[in-house]
Amino acid sequence: MKTVNAYGYLRVSGLGQVDGDGFTRQLAAIKRYAAANGLNVTKVFREEGVSGKTELDGRVALKAMLEALASNGAKTVIIERLDRLARDLMVQENIIADLRKRGFELISVAEPDLCSNDPSRVLMRQIFGSIAQYDRAMTVAKLRGARERMRITKGRCEGRKPYGEHPEHQAEREVIKRIRELRQNGLPLLTIAKVLNDEGRRSRSGKTWHPTQVSRVITRAAAVSA
């Protein structure tokens, strides 16, 4: 049996998942399928931290793969399952249509023949896409609800703490105190920023102060004390 060259396409939606097992799992599934079906995976394209809702223009790895396919490379693409190609049904269909228009074959390990033109397969592909889209929407809704409940019971529950509110950032509280002193003396924001920089005080990122940063600190401090 003649071996056919193919490309593998992997995607994880969050940057925090890049070092997880998502890529490892997807690649293992693709290689197993390739070995069992006479396919030789010559190159793998990894989409790191890209949402499944992102259209073609936002897919750096996908665009690179399309260029490679068009450059007399492999004509077959293997993915673990269709929601790795895209979670959003419309994006999924657009990408599939684009691949077909260019004469490339797309193989999904979990749904091996769902990309045919047979009406029943088109329907099944849409069902699978709708399920993935629904699951994503439900997960987002559940996480949003959990964050809201935590915010109500415990206050702020996500992201970096505002400047001066971290229990270990005593230096930040000293800067806020200094900003208040300078402001009470009638100094404008630009002058306050210059004074802080001249005194060797740095922002949380270690960079120099700017008037807009000073303004945010003043506004936040006023809201907390109100």
Protein backbone atom coordinates (compact mmCIF):
# COMPACT_ATOMS: atom_id res chain seq x y z
CA MET A 1 0.00 0.00 0.00
CA LYS A 2 1.37 3.39 -1.02
CA THR A 3 2.09 5.72 1.85
CA VAL A 4 0.40 9.13 1.59
CA ASN A 5 2.02 12.16 3.19
CA ALA A 6 -0.12 14.22 5.53
CA TYR A 7 0.05 17.15 7.89
CA GLY A 8 -1.18 17.13 11.45
CA TYR A 9 -3.05 20.11 12.88
CA LEU A 10 -3.27 20.67 16.64
CA ARG A 11 -5.00 23.44 18.59
CA VAL A 12 -5.45 24.43 22.22
CA SER A 13 -7.62 27.43 23.00
CA GLY A 14 -5.83 28.86 26.06
CA LEU A 15 -2.18 29.83 26.57
CA GLY A 16 -2.34 28.03 29.91
CA GLN A 17 -3.06 24.80 28.02
CA VAL A 18 0.06 24.97 25.85
CA ASP A 19 2.14 23.06 28.40
CA GLY A 20 -0.70 20.67 29.29
CA ASP A 21 -1.53 17.31 27.74
CA GLY A 22 -3.74 18.69 24.94
CA PHE A 23 -1.04 18.70 22.27
CA THR A 24 0.34 15.34 23.43
CA ARG A 25 -3.10 13.70 23.32
CA GLN A 26 -4.00 15.13 19.92
CA LEU A 27 -0.66 14.17 18.34
CA ALA A 28 -0.85 10.62 19.73
CA ALA A 29 -4.34 10.16 18.26
CA ILE A 30 -3.25 11.53 14.89
CA LYS A 31 -0.16 9.29 14.75
CA ARG A 32 -2.16 6.19 15.68
CA TYR A 33 -4.66 6.89 12.93
CA ALA A 34 -1.90 7.62 10.41
CA ALA A 35 -0.04 4.39 11.22
CA ALA A 36 -3.22 2.32 10.86
CA ASN A 37 -4.24 3.90 7.55
CA GLY A 38 -1.00 4.16 5.57
CA LEU A 39 -0.46 7.86 6.19
CA ASN A 40 2.89 9.50 6.92
CA VAL A 41 2.69 12.65 9.05
CA THR A 42 5.54 14.76 7.69
CA LYS A 43 4.83 17.96 9.60
CA VAL A 44 2.69 19.09 12.52
CA PHE A 45 1.22 22.58 12.87
CA ARG A 46 0.42 23.77 16.41
CA GLU A 47 -2.10 26.53 17.09
CA GLU A 48 -1.17 27.79 20.56
CA GLY A 49 -3.75 29.62 22.65
CA VAL A 50 -6.24 30.33 19.86
CA SER A 51 -9.98 30.22 20.42
CA GLY A 52 -12.03 27.80 18.37
CA LYS A 53 -14.22 30.75 17.38
CA THR A 54 -11.38 32.49 15.58
CA GLU A 55 -11.75 32.79 11.82
CA LEU A 56 -9.03 31.96 9.31
CA ASP A 57 -7.36 35.37 9.62
CA GLY A 58 -6.56 34.73 13.27
CA ARG A 59 -5.04 31.27 12.76
CA VAL A 60 -1.29 31.66 12.30
CA ALA A 61 -0.56 27.91 12.21
CA LEU A 62 -3.55 27.17 10.00
CA LYS A 63 -2.49 29.80 7.48
CA ALA A 64 1.06 28.41 7.51
CA MET A 65 -0.34 24.93 6.87
CA LEU A 66 -2.48 26.17 3.97
CA GLU A 67 0.62 27.76 2.43
CA ALA A 68 2.52 24.50 2.84
CA LEU A 69 -0.36 22.54 1.29
CA ALA A 70 -0.40 24.88 -1.67
CA SER A 71 3.36 24.62 -2.17
CA ASN A 72 3.29 21.10 -3.60
CA GLY A 73 3.32 19.68 -0.10
CA ALA A 74 0.99 17.09 1.38
CA LYS A 75 -2.66 17.27 0.33
CA THR A 76 -4.12 15.63 3.43
CA VAL A 77 -4.71 17.10 6.89
CA ILE A 78 -5.41 15.02 9.99
CA ILE A 79 -7.03 16.42 13.12
CA GLU A 80 -8.03 14.68 16.34
CA ARG A 81 -11.65 15.79 16.04
CA LEU A 82 -13.63 18.55 14.41
CA ASP A 83 -13.78 20.82 17.45
CA ARG A 84 -9.98 21.11 17.25
CA LEU A 85 -10.47 22.63 13.84
CA ALA A 86 -13.08 24.98 15.31
CA ARG A 87 -15.70 24.99 18.06
CA ASP A 88 -18.03 27.46 16.41
CA LEU A 89 -20.14 25.66 13.82
CA MET A 90 -19.98 28.44 11.23
CA VAL A 91 -16.19 28.79 11.55
CA GLN A 92 -15.90 25.01 11.29
CA GLU A 93 -17.91 24.89 8.08
CA ASN A 94 -16.02 27.84 6.58
CA ILE A 95 -12.64 26.17 7.17
CA ILE A 96 -13.86 22.83 5.81
CA ALA A 97 -15.24 24.58 2.71
CA ASP A 98 -11.96 26.46 2.22
CA LEU A 99 -9.92 23.24 2.41
CA ARG A 100 -12.20 21.51 -0.08
CA LYS A 101 -12.11 24.45 -2.46
CA ARG A 102 -8.34 24.18 -2.53
CA GLY A 103 -8.52 20.44 -3.22
CA PHE A 104 -7.25 19.24 0.17
CA GLU A 105 -8.57 16.29 2.15
CA LEU A 106 -9.45 16.70 5.82
CA ILE A 107 -9.54 13.66 8.08
CA SER A 108 -10.95 13.72 11.60
CA VAL A 109 -9.75 10.82 13.75
CA ALA A 110 -12.89 10.83 15.90
CA GLU A 111 -15.22 11.31 12.90
CA PRO A 112 -13.30 9.66 10.04
CA ASP A 113 -15.77 10.24 7.21
CA LEU A 114 -17.83 13.16 8.41
CA CYS A 115 -16.30 15.48 5.84
CA SER A 116 -17.90 13.82 2.84
CA ASN A 117 -20.64 15.51 0.85
CA ASP A 118 -23.21 12.87 1.70
CA PRO A 119 -26.25 14.69 3.18
CA SER A 120 -26.35 12.41 6.23
CA ARG A 121 -22.67 13.10 6.91
CA VAL A 122 -23.19 16.84 6.52
CA LEU A 123 -26.00 16.58 9.05
CA MET A 124 -23.86 14.55 11.47
CA ARG A 125 -21.00 17.03 11.15
CA GLN A 126 -23.36 19.87 11.97
CA ILE A 127 -24.76 17.95 14.94
CA PHE A 128 -21.28 17.33 16.33
CA GLY A 129 -20.38 20.97 15.78
CA SER A 130 -23.57 22.12 17.49
CA ILE A 131 -22.88 19.87 20.48
CA ALA A 132 -19.33 21.22 20.84
CA GLN A 133 -20.64 24.78 20.53
CA TYR A 134 -23.35 24.12 23.14
CA ASP A 135 -20.88 22.49 25.54
CA ARG A 136 -18.59 25.49 25.27
CA ALA A 137 -21.44 27.92 25.91
CA MET A 138 -22.56 25.94 28.97
CA THR A 139 -19.02 25.81 30.36
CA VAL A 140 -18.62 29.56 29.93
CA ALA A 141 -21.99 30.16 31.61
CA LYS A 142 -21.10 27.90 34.55
CA LEU A 143 -17.73 29.58 35.07
CA ARG A 144 -19.31 33.02 34.88
CA GLY A 145 -21.92 32.01 37.44
CA ALA A 146 -19.26 30.61 39.79
CA ARG A 147 -17.23 33.82 39.53
CA GLU A 148 -20.30 35.94 40.25
CA ARG A 149 -21.19 33.88 43.33
CA MET A 150 -17.63 34.10 44.61
CA ARG A 151 -17.53 37.83 43.95
CA ILE A 152 -20.74 38.32 45.96
CA THR A 153 -19.56 36.23 48.93
CA LYS A 154 -15.84 36.98 48.95
CA GLY A 155 -15.35 40.08 46.85
CA ARG A 156 -12.92 40.22 43.93
CA CYS A 157 -12.03 36.68 42.80
CA GLU A 158 -9.95 36.90 39.65
CA GLY A 159 -7.09 38.71 38.00
CA ARG A 160 -4.32 40.72 39.59
CA LYS A 161 -5.18 42.65 42.73
CA PRO A 162 -5.38 46.43 42.23
CA TYR A 163 -2.32 48.50 42.99
CA GLY A 164 -1.72 48.67 46.74
CA GLU A 165 -4.21 45.94 47.72
CA HIS A 166 -1.87 42.95 47.74
CA PRO A 167 -1.05 42.06 51.37
CA GLU A 168 2.65 41.71 50.60
CA HIS A 169 3.00 44.96 48.63
CA GLN A 170 3.82 47.38 51.45
CA ALA A 171 5.95 49.41 49.03
CA GLU A 172 2.90 50.04 46.84
CA ARG A 173 0.94 51.36 49.80
CA GLU A 174 3.82 53.73 50.55
CA VAL A 175 3.67 54.99 46.97
CA ILE A 176 -0.08 55.58 47.27
CA LYS A 177 0.51 57.52 50.47
CA ARG A 178 3.14 59.63 48.71
CA ILE A 179 0.85 60.28 45.73
CA ARG A 180 -1.89 61.46 48.08
CA GLU A 181 0.52 63.83 49.83
CA LEU A 182 1.66 65.34 46.56
CA ARG A 183 -1.90 65.66 45.28
CA GLN A 184 -3.05 67.34 48.47
CA ASN A 185 -0.26 69.89 47.92
CA GLY A 186 -1.92 70.76 44.61
CA LEU A 187 0.62 69.20 42.28
CA PRO A 188 -0.61 68.18 38.80
CA LEU A 189 -0.42 64.57 37.63
CA LEU A 190 2.60 65.16 35.39
CA THR A 191 4.57 66.68 38.26
CA ILE A 192 3.57 63.87 40.64
CA ALA A 193 4.81 61.29 38.12
CA LYS A 194 8.12 63.18 37.79
CA VAL A 195 8.56 63.35 41.57
CA LEU A 196 7.95 59.60 41.94
CA ASN A 197 10.47 58.87 39.20
CA ASP A 198 13.04 61.26 40.68
CA GLU A 199 12.64 59.56 44.06
CA GLY A 200 13.37 56.19 42.45
CA ARG A 201 9.89 54.82 42.96
CA ARG A 202 8.76 52.45 40.23
CA SER A 203 5.40 51.10 39.10
CA ARG A 204 4.46 47.46 39.68
CA SER A 205 6.01 46.53 36.32
CA GLY A 206 9.27 48.22 37.34
CA LYS A 207 8.88 51.04 34.83
CA THR A 208 8.66 54.79 35.28
CA TRP A 209 5.43 56.49 36.27
CA HIS A 210 3.18 58.31 33.81
CA PRO A 211 0.31 60.74 34.54
CA THR A 212 -2.35 58.24 33.48
CA GLN A 213 -1.02 55.66 35.96
CA VAL A 214 -1.00 58.25 38.72
CA SER A 215 -4.59 59.18 37.85
CA ARG A 216 -5.73 55.54 38.08
CA VAL A 217 -4.11 55.13 41.49
CA ILE A 218 -5.77 58.31 42.77
CA THR A 219 -9.17 57.26 41.41
CA ARG A 220 -8.89 53.75 42.88
CA ALA A 221 -7.74 55.05 46.27
CA ALA A 222 -10.64 57.51 46.38
CA ALA A 223 -13.13 54.72 45.56
CA VAL A 224 -11.76 52.45 48.29
CA SER A 225 -11.85 55.18 50.93
CA ALA A 226 -15.33 56.41 49.91
